[in-house]
Amino acid sequence: MKHWKSLLKGATWRIVATGDTILLSYIYTKSIGNALKIGFIEVFTKIFLFYVHERIWLRFIKWGQLPSDDGNLKETHQRSIIKGFSWRFFGTLDTIIISYFVTGHVTVAFKIGFTELITKVILYYFHERIWLKYSN
């Protein structure tokens, strides 16, 4: 995958993921201002983190790739799942730190972060599968 495609993939994911973070942040803080702050900060930190994560998987982790009929590599469902969990670890840590910075409440920060463990893995899996289907 070209660098510009990794950037585009990161941007499309960020739109989905930021919407989810804003919604979860609003649910737990009851403040649209705090929810938007968390989402706004996250846009910048997570695009960078996602890009680095994607490049590491493309360059160093070959597990879960199969040759396709056109000579390229095709990713398995298992690879998408494991890749989603690895990204979620770093994404959750980032969300917890940002949420704590904005709200000053460690409990709220962990509630937002741990809820994302569920919502983001599901959303990431579908984003990954859709991207793989339409990016070639």
N, C-alpha and C. Protein backbone atom coordinates (compact mmCIF):
# COMPACT_ATOMS: atom_id res chain seq x y z
N MET A 1 0.85 -1.17 0.00
CA MET A 1 0.00 0.00 0.00
C MET A 1 0.90 1.24 0.00
N LYS A 2 0.54 2.18 -0.81
CA LYS A 2 1.27 3.44 -0.90
C LYS A 2 1.06 4.28 0.36
N HIS A 3 2.01 5.18 0.61
CA HIS A 3 1.91 6.04 1.78
C HIS A 3 0.63 6.89 1.75
N TRP A 4 0.27 7.42 0.59
CA TRP A 4 -0.92 8.27 0.51
C TRP A 4 -2.18 7.47 0.79
N LYS A 5 -2.20 6.18 0.43
CA LYS A 5 -3.36 5.35 0.74
C LYS A 5 -3.45 5.09 2.24
N SER A 6 -2.29 4.91 2.88
CA SER A 6 -2.30 4.74 4.33
C SER A 6 -2.84 6.00 5.01
N LEU A 7 -2.48 7.17 4.49
CA LEU A 7 -2.98 8.42 5.05
C LEU A 7 -4.49 8.56 4.83
N LEU A 8 -4.97 8.20 3.65
CA LEU A 8 -6.40 8.26 3.36
C LEU A 8 -7.18 7.27 4.23
N LYS A 9 -6.63 6.09 4.38
CA LYS A 9 -7.26 5.09 5.24
C LYS A 9 -7.32 5.60 6.68
N GLY A 10 -6.27 6.21 7.14
CA GLY A 10 -6.25 6.78 8.49
C GLY A 10 -7.28 7.89 8.65
N ALA A 11 -7.44 8.71 7.62
CA ALA A 11 -8.40 9.82 7.70
C ALA A 11 -9.84 9.30 7.73
N THR A 12 -10.15 8.29 6.91
CA THR A 12 -11.51 7.75 6.93
C THR A 12 -11.82 7.08 8.26
N TRP A 13 -10.83 6.36 8.79
CA TRP A 13 -11.03 5.75 10.10
C TRP A 13 -11.23 6.82 11.16
N ARG A 14 -10.46 7.90 11.07
CA ARG A 14 -10.53 8.94 12.10
C ARG A 14 -11.91 9.57 12.14
N ILE A 15 -12.57 9.72 11.00
CA ILE A 15 -13.91 10.28 10.97
C ILE A 15 -14.88 9.40 11.77
N VAL A 16 -14.83 8.10 11.49
CA VAL A 16 -15.69 7.14 12.20
C VAL A 16 -15.35 7.12 13.69
N ALA A 17 -14.07 6.99 13.99
CA ALA A 17 -13.63 6.83 15.37
C ALA A 17 -13.86 8.09 16.20
N THR A 18 -13.64 9.26 15.63
CA THR A 18 -13.85 10.50 16.38
C THR A 18 -15.32 10.68 16.71
N GLY A 19 -16.18 10.34 15.78
CA GLY A 19 -17.62 10.40 16.07
C GLY A 19 -17.98 9.51 17.24
N ASP A 20 -17.41 8.32 17.27
CA ASP A 20 -17.65 7.39 18.38
C ASP A 20 -17.11 7.96 19.70
N THR A 21 -15.92 8.52 19.67
CA THR A 21 -15.33 9.09 20.88
C THR A 21 -16.14 10.27 21.40
N ILE A 22 -16.59 11.11 20.51
CA ILE A 22 -17.40 12.26 20.93
C ILE A 22 -18.70 11.78 21.59
N LEU A 23 -19.33 10.78 20.98
CA LEU A 23 -20.57 10.25 21.55
C LEU A 23 -20.32 9.64 22.93
N LEU A 24 -19.30 8.79 23.04
CA LEU A 24 -18.99 8.18 24.34
C LEU A 24 -18.60 9.23 25.38
N SER A 25 -17.82 10.21 24.96
CA SER A 25 -17.40 11.28 25.88
C SER A 25 -18.60 12.07 26.38
N TYR A 26 -19.53 12.33 25.50
CA TYR A 26 -20.75 13.04 25.91
C TYR A 26 -21.57 12.21 26.90
N ILE A 27 -21.69 10.91 26.61
CA ILE A 27 -22.45 10.02 27.51
C ILE A 27 -21.86 10.05 28.92
N TYR A 28 -20.53 10.00 29.03
CA TYR A 28 -19.90 9.92 30.35
C TYR A 28 -19.65 11.26 31.02
N THR A 29 -19.51 12.34 30.24
CA THR A 29 -19.25 13.64 30.86
C THR A 29 -20.49 14.51 30.95
N LYS A 30 -21.50 14.21 30.14
CA LYS A 30 -22.72 15.03 30.04
C LYS A 30 -22.39 16.46 29.63
N SER A 31 -21.26 16.63 28.96
CA SER A 31 -20.82 17.96 28.51
C SER A 31 -20.42 17.89 27.05
N ILE A 32 -21.15 18.58 26.21
CA ILE A 32 -20.82 18.60 24.78
C ILE A 32 -19.48 19.30 24.57
N GLY A 33 -19.18 20.28 25.41
CA GLY A 33 -17.89 20.99 25.31
C GLY A 33 -16.72 20.05 25.55
N ASN A 34 -16.77 19.28 26.63
CA ASN A 34 -15.70 18.33 26.91
C ASN A 34 -15.63 17.24 25.84
N ALA A 35 -16.79 16.78 25.40
CA ALA A 35 -16.82 15.74 24.36
C ALA A 35 -16.15 16.23 23.08
N LEU A 36 -16.43 17.45 22.69
CA LEU A 36 -15.82 18.01 21.48
C LEU A 36 -14.32 18.27 21.66
N LYS A 37 -13.92 18.70 22.85
CA LYS A 37 -12.49 18.90 23.12
C LYS A 37 -11.73 17.58 23.00
N ILE A 38 -12.27 16.54 23.63
CA ILE A 38 -11.62 15.23 23.57
C ILE A 38 -11.53 14.77 22.12
N GLY A 39 -12.63 14.89 21.38
CA GLY A 39 -12.64 14.49 19.98
C GLY A 39 -11.67 15.30 19.12
N PHE A 40 -11.61 16.61 19.36
CA PHE A 40 -10.73 17.48 18.58
C PHE A 40 -9.26 17.14 18.80
N ILE A 41 -8.88 16.98 20.05
CA ILE A 41 -7.48 16.63 20.36
C ILE A 41 -7.13 15.28 19.75
N GLU A 42 -8.06 14.35 19.88
CA GLU A 42 -7.85 12.99 19.39
C GLU A 42 -7.61 12.94 17.88
N VAL A 43 -8.23 13.81 17.14
CA VAL A 43 -8.03 13.82 15.68
C VAL A 43 -6.54 13.89 15.36
N PHE A 44 -5.85 14.78 16.02
CA PHE A 44 -4.44 14.98 15.70
C PHE A 44 -3.54 13.86 16.23
N THR A 45 -3.76 13.45 17.47
CA THR A 45 -2.89 12.42 18.03
C THR A 45 -3.12 11.07 17.37
N LYS A 46 -4.36 10.76 17.07
CA LYS A 46 -4.65 9.42 16.54
C LYS A 46 -4.32 9.27 15.07
N ILE A 47 -4.42 10.31 14.27
CA ILE A 47 -4.02 10.18 12.87
C ILE A 47 -2.54 9.81 12.81
N PHE A 48 -1.73 10.48 13.61
CA PHE A 48 -0.31 10.16 13.64
C PHE A 48 -0.07 8.75 14.14
N LEU A 49 -0.70 8.38 15.26
CA LEU A 49 -0.53 7.04 15.81
C LEU A 49 -1.02 5.95 14.85
N PHE A 50 -2.14 6.19 14.18
CA PHE A 50 -2.68 5.21 13.24
C PHE A 50 -1.72 5.00 12.07
N TYR A 51 -1.19 6.08 11.54
CA TYR A 51 -0.26 5.99 10.42
C TYR A 51 0.95 5.13 10.80
N VAL A 52 1.52 5.39 11.97
CA VAL A 52 2.67 4.61 12.42
C VAL A 52 2.28 3.15 12.60
N HIS A 53 1.14 2.88 13.21
CA HIS A 53 0.66 1.51 13.41
C HIS A 53 0.49 0.80 12.06
N GLU A 54 -0.13 1.45 11.12
CA GLU A 54 -0.37 0.85 9.79
C GLU A 54 0.94 0.52 9.09
N ARG A 55 1.88 1.43 9.14
CA ARG A 55 3.17 1.20 8.47
C ARG A 55 3.93 0.05 9.13
N ILE A 56 3.87 -0.07 10.45
CA ILE A 56 4.52 -1.20 11.13
C ILE A 56 3.92 -2.52 10.69
N TRP A 57 2.58 -2.58 10.63
CA TRP A 57 1.92 -3.82 10.19
C TRP A 57 2.26 -4.14 8.74
N LEU A 58 2.31 -3.14 7.89
CA LEU A 58 2.61 -3.40 6.48
C LEU A 58 4.05 -3.84 6.26
N ARG A 59 4.96 -3.29 7.02
CA ARG A 59 6.37 -3.55 6.77
C ARG A 59 6.93 -4.73 7.56
N PHE A 60 6.52 -4.90 8.80
CA PHE A 60 7.18 -5.87 9.67
C PHE A 60 6.36 -7.10 10.03
N ILE A 61 5.05 -7.02 9.92
CA ILE A 61 4.22 -8.14 10.37
C ILE A 61 3.57 -8.78 9.15
N LYS A 62 4.09 -9.92 8.75
CA LYS A 62 3.64 -10.59 7.53
C LYS A 62 2.59 -11.66 7.79
N TRP A 63 2.35 -11.99 9.06
CA TRP A 63 1.39 -13.02 9.40
C TRP A 63 0.00 -12.64 8.90
N GLY A 64 -0.76 -13.62 8.43
CA GLY A 64 -2.15 -13.40 8.03
C GLY A 64 -2.32 -12.81 6.65
N GLN A 65 -1.30 -12.93 5.82
CA GLN A 65 -1.40 -12.45 4.44
C GLN A 65 -1.30 -13.65 3.50
N LEU A 66 -2.21 -13.67 2.53
CA LEU A 66 -2.23 -14.75 1.55
C LEU A 66 -2.10 -14.16 0.16
N PRO A 67 -1.44 -14.88 -0.76
CA PRO A 67 -1.37 -14.38 -2.13
C PRO A 67 -2.76 -14.40 -2.78
N SER A 68 -3.05 -13.36 -3.53
CA SER A 68 -4.33 -13.31 -4.24
C SER A 68 -4.10 -13.61 -5.72
N ASP A 69 -5.18 -13.70 -6.47
CA ASP A 69 -5.09 -14.04 -7.89
C ASP A 69 -4.34 -12.99 -8.71
N ASP A 70 -4.37 -11.74 -8.26
CA ASP A 70 -3.70 -10.67 -9.01
C ASP A 70 -2.24 -10.47 -8.61
N GLY A 71 -1.72 -11.35 -7.75
CA GLY A 71 -0.31 -11.27 -7.36
C GLY A 71 -0.05 -10.43 -6.12
N ASN A 72 -1.04 -9.73 -5.65
CA ASN A 72 -0.90 -8.95 -4.42
C ASN A 72 -1.17 -9.85 -3.22
N LEU A 73 -1.01 -9.29 -2.04
CA LEU A 73 -1.31 -10.03 -0.83
C LEU A 73 -2.71 -9.67 -0.34
N LYS A 74 -3.42 -10.66 0.13
CA LYS A 74 -4.76 -10.49 0.67
C LYS A 74 -4.71 -10.75 2.17
N GLU A 75 -5.34 -9.87 2.96
CA GLU A 75 -5.35 -10.03 4.40
C GLU A 75 -6.49 -10.94 4.84
N THR A 76 -6.20 -11.82 5.79
CA THR A 76 -7.22 -12.72 6.33
C THR A 76 -8.07 -11.99 7.37
N HIS A 77 -9.21 -12.56 7.68
CA HIS A 77 -10.07 -12.01 8.74
C HIS A 77 -9.34 -12.03 10.08
N GLN A 78 -8.58 -13.08 10.33
CA GLN A 78 -7.84 -13.18 11.60
C GLN A 78 -6.83 -12.05 11.73
N ARG A 79 -6.15 -11.71 10.64
CA ARG A 79 -5.19 -10.60 10.66
C ARG A 79 -5.90 -9.29 11.00
N SER A 80 -7.05 -9.08 10.40
CA SER A 80 -7.81 -7.86 10.68
C SER A 80 -8.21 -7.78 12.14
N ILE A 81 -8.59 -8.90 12.72
CA ILE A 81 -8.99 -8.91 14.13
C ILE A 81 -7.80 -8.60 15.04
N ILE A 82 -6.67 -9.29 14.83
CA ILE A 82 -5.49 -9.07 15.66
C ILE A 82 -4.95 -7.65 15.47
N LYS A 83 -4.97 -7.18 14.24
CA LYS A 83 -4.52 -5.82 13.95
C LYS A 83 -5.41 -4.81 14.68
N GLY A 84 -6.70 -5.08 14.71
CA GLY A 84 -7.63 -4.21 15.42
C GLY A 84 -7.35 -4.16 16.91
N PHE A 85 -7.05 -5.32 17.50
CA PHE A 85 -6.72 -5.35 18.93
C PHE A 85 -5.41 -4.63 19.22
N SER A 86 -4.42 -4.79 18.35
CA SER A 86 -3.14 -4.11 18.61
C SER A 86 -3.31 -2.60 18.51
N TRP A 87 -4.09 -2.15 17.52
CA TRP A 87 -4.34 -0.72 17.40
C TRP A 87 -5.13 -0.21 18.61
N ARG A 88 -6.10 -1.00 19.04
CA ARG A 88 -6.95 -0.56 20.14
C ARG A 88 -6.17 -0.33 21.42
N PHE A 89 -5.15 -1.13 21.67
CA PHE A 89 -4.31 -0.92 22.85
C PHE A 89 -3.76 0.50 22.87
N PHE A 90 -3.14 0.90 21.77
CA PHE A 90 -2.53 2.24 21.71
C PHE A 90 -3.60 3.33 21.64
N GLY A 91 -4.68 3.05 20.92
CA GLY A 91 -5.76 4.03 20.81
C GLY A 91 -6.44 4.27 22.15
N THR A 92 -6.65 3.20 22.92
CA THR A 92 -7.28 3.33 24.23
C THR A 92 -6.40 4.12 25.19
N LEU A 93 -5.14 3.83 25.18
CA LEU A 93 -4.21 4.56 26.04
C LEU A 93 -4.24 6.06 25.71
N ASP A 94 -4.25 6.37 24.44
CA ASP A 94 -4.32 7.77 24.00
C ASP A 94 -5.62 8.42 24.47
N THR A 95 -6.74 7.72 24.32
CA THR A 95 -8.04 8.25 24.74
C THR A 95 -8.08 8.50 26.24
N ILE A 96 -7.56 7.58 27.01
CA ILE A 96 -7.56 7.74 28.47
C ILE A 96 -6.74 8.96 28.87
N ILE A 97 -5.58 9.13 28.27
CA ILE A 97 -4.73 10.27 28.60
C ILE A 97 -5.42 11.59 28.22
N ILE A 98 -5.98 11.64 27.02
CA ILE A 98 -6.66 12.86 26.57
C ILE A 98 -7.87 13.16 27.46
N SER A 99 -8.67 12.13 27.75
CA SER A 99 -9.87 12.32 28.56
C SER A 99 -9.52 12.82 29.96
N TYR A 100 -8.47 12.28 30.52
CA TYR A 100 -8.03 12.75 31.84
C TYR A 100 -7.57 14.21 31.77
N PHE A 101 -6.81 14.52 30.73
CA PHE A 101 -6.32 15.89 30.54
C PHE A 101 -7.47 16.88 30.44
N VAL A 102 -8.52 16.53 29.71
CA VAL A 102 -9.66 17.43 29.50
C VAL A 102 -10.57 17.50 30.72
N THR A 103 -10.87 16.35 31.33
CA THR A 103 -11.87 16.33 32.42
C THR A 103 -11.26 16.45 33.81
N GLY A 104 -10.03 15.99 33.97
CA GLY A 104 -9.41 15.96 35.29
C GLY A 104 -9.92 14.83 36.17
N HIS A 105 -10.71 13.93 35.59
CA HIS A 105 -11.30 12.82 36.35
C HIS A 105 -10.80 11.49 35.79
N VAL A 106 -10.02 10.78 36.60
CA VAL A 106 -9.46 9.51 36.15
C VAL A 106 -10.55 8.47 35.90
N THR A 107 -11.59 8.47 36.71
CA THR A 107 -12.68 7.50 36.54
C THR A 107 -13.39 7.71 35.21
N VAL A 108 -13.69 8.94 34.88
CA VAL A 108 -14.35 9.24 33.60
C VAL A 108 -13.43 8.86 32.45
N ALA A 109 -12.16 9.16 32.57
CA ALA A 109 -11.20 8.84 31.52
C ALA A 109 -11.16 7.33 31.26
N PHE A 110 -11.14 6.54 32.32
CA PHE A 110 -11.11 5.08 32.16
C PHE A 110 -12.44 4.55 31.63
N LYS A 111 -13.56 5.15 32.02
CA LYS A 111 -14.86 4.71 31.48
C LYS A 111 -14.92 4.93 29.97
N ILE A 112 -14.49 6.09 29.54
CA ILE A 112 -14.48 6.37 28.10
C ILE A 112 -13.54 5.41 27.39
N GLY A 113 -12.33 5.27 27.91
CA GLY A 113 -11.34 4.39 27.29
C GLY A 113 -11.76 2.95 27.23
N PHE A 114 -12.29 2.42 28.32
CA PHE A 114 -12.66 1.00 28.34
C PHE A 114 -13.91 0.71 27.52
N THR A 115 -14.83 1.67 27.42
CA THR A 115 -15.97 1.46 26.54
C THR A 115 -15.51 1.38 25.09
N GLU A 116 -14.50 2.18 24.78
CA GLU A 116 -13.95 2.14 23.42
C GLU A 116 -13.32 0.79 23.08
N LEU A 117 -12.90 0.05 24.07
CA LEU A 117 -12.36 -1.28 23.78
C LEU A 117 -13.38 -2.12 23.03
N ILE A 118 -14.63 -1.92 23.34
CA ILE A 118 -15.69 -2.67 22.67
C ILE A 118 -16.09 -2.00 21.36
N THR A 119 -16.47 -0.73 21.44
CA THR A 119 -17.01 -0.07 20.25
C THR A 119 -15.97 0.07 19.14
N LYS A 120 -14.76 0.42 19.49
CA LYS A 120 -13.76 0.65 18.45
C LYS A 120 -13.28 -0.63 17.78
N VAL A 121 -13.17 -1.72 18.51
CA VAL A 121 -12.76 -2.98 17.87
C VAL A 121 -13.79 -3.39 16.83
N ILE A 122 -15.05 -3.26 17.17
CA ILE A 122 -16.11 -3.61 16.22
C ILE A 122 -16.07 -2.68 15.02
N LEU A 123 -16.01 -1.39 15.26
CA LEU A 123 -15.97 -0.42 14.17
C LEU A 123 -14.72 -0.58 13.31
N TYR A 124 -13.58 -0.82 13.95
CA TYR A 124 -12.33 -0.99 13.21
C TYR A 124 -12.38 -2.21 12.30
N TYR A 125 -12.91 -3.30 12.79
CA TYR A 125 -13.01 -4.52 11.98
C TYR A 125 -13.79 -4.23 10.69
N PHE A 126 -14.95 -3.59 10.81
CA PHE A 126 -15.75 -3.29 9.62
C PHE A 126 -15.07 -2.28 8.71
N HIS A 127 -14.40 -1.29 9.29
CA HIS A 127 -13.65 -0.32 8.47
C HIS A 127 -12.56 -1.03 7.69
N GLU A 128 -11.83 -1.91 8.36
CA GLU A 128 -10.74 -2.66 7.73
C GLU A 128 -11.25 -3.53 6.59
N ARG A 129 -12.33 -4.24 6.81
CA ARG A 129 -12.88 -5.13 5.79
C ARG A 129 -13.41 -4.34 4.59
N ILE A 130 -14.09 -3.22 4.85
CA ILE A 130 -14.59 -2.37 3.76
C ILE A 130 -13.42 -1.79 2.98
N TRP A 131 -12.40 -1.31 3.69
CA TRP A 131 -11.23 -0.74 3.03
C TRP A 131 -10.55 -1.77 2.14
N LEU A 132 -10.39 -2.97 2.64
CA LEU A 132 -9.75 -4.03 1.86
C LEU A 132 -10.55 -4.38 0.62
N LYS A 133 -11.84 -4.33 0.72
CA LYS A 133 -12.71 -4.68 -0.41
C LYS A 133 -12.64 -3.64 -1.53
N TYR A 134 -12.57 -2.35 -1.17
CA TYR A 134 -12.67 -1.29 -2.16
C TYR A 134 -11.37 -0.56 -2.48
N SER A 135 -10.26 -0.93 -1.84
CA SER A 135 -9.03 -0.14 -2.05
C SER A 135 -8.17 -0.64 -3.20
N ASN A 136 -8.46 -1.78 -3.76
CA ASN A 136 -7.62 -2.28 -4.86
C ASN A 136 -8.08 -1.83 -6.21
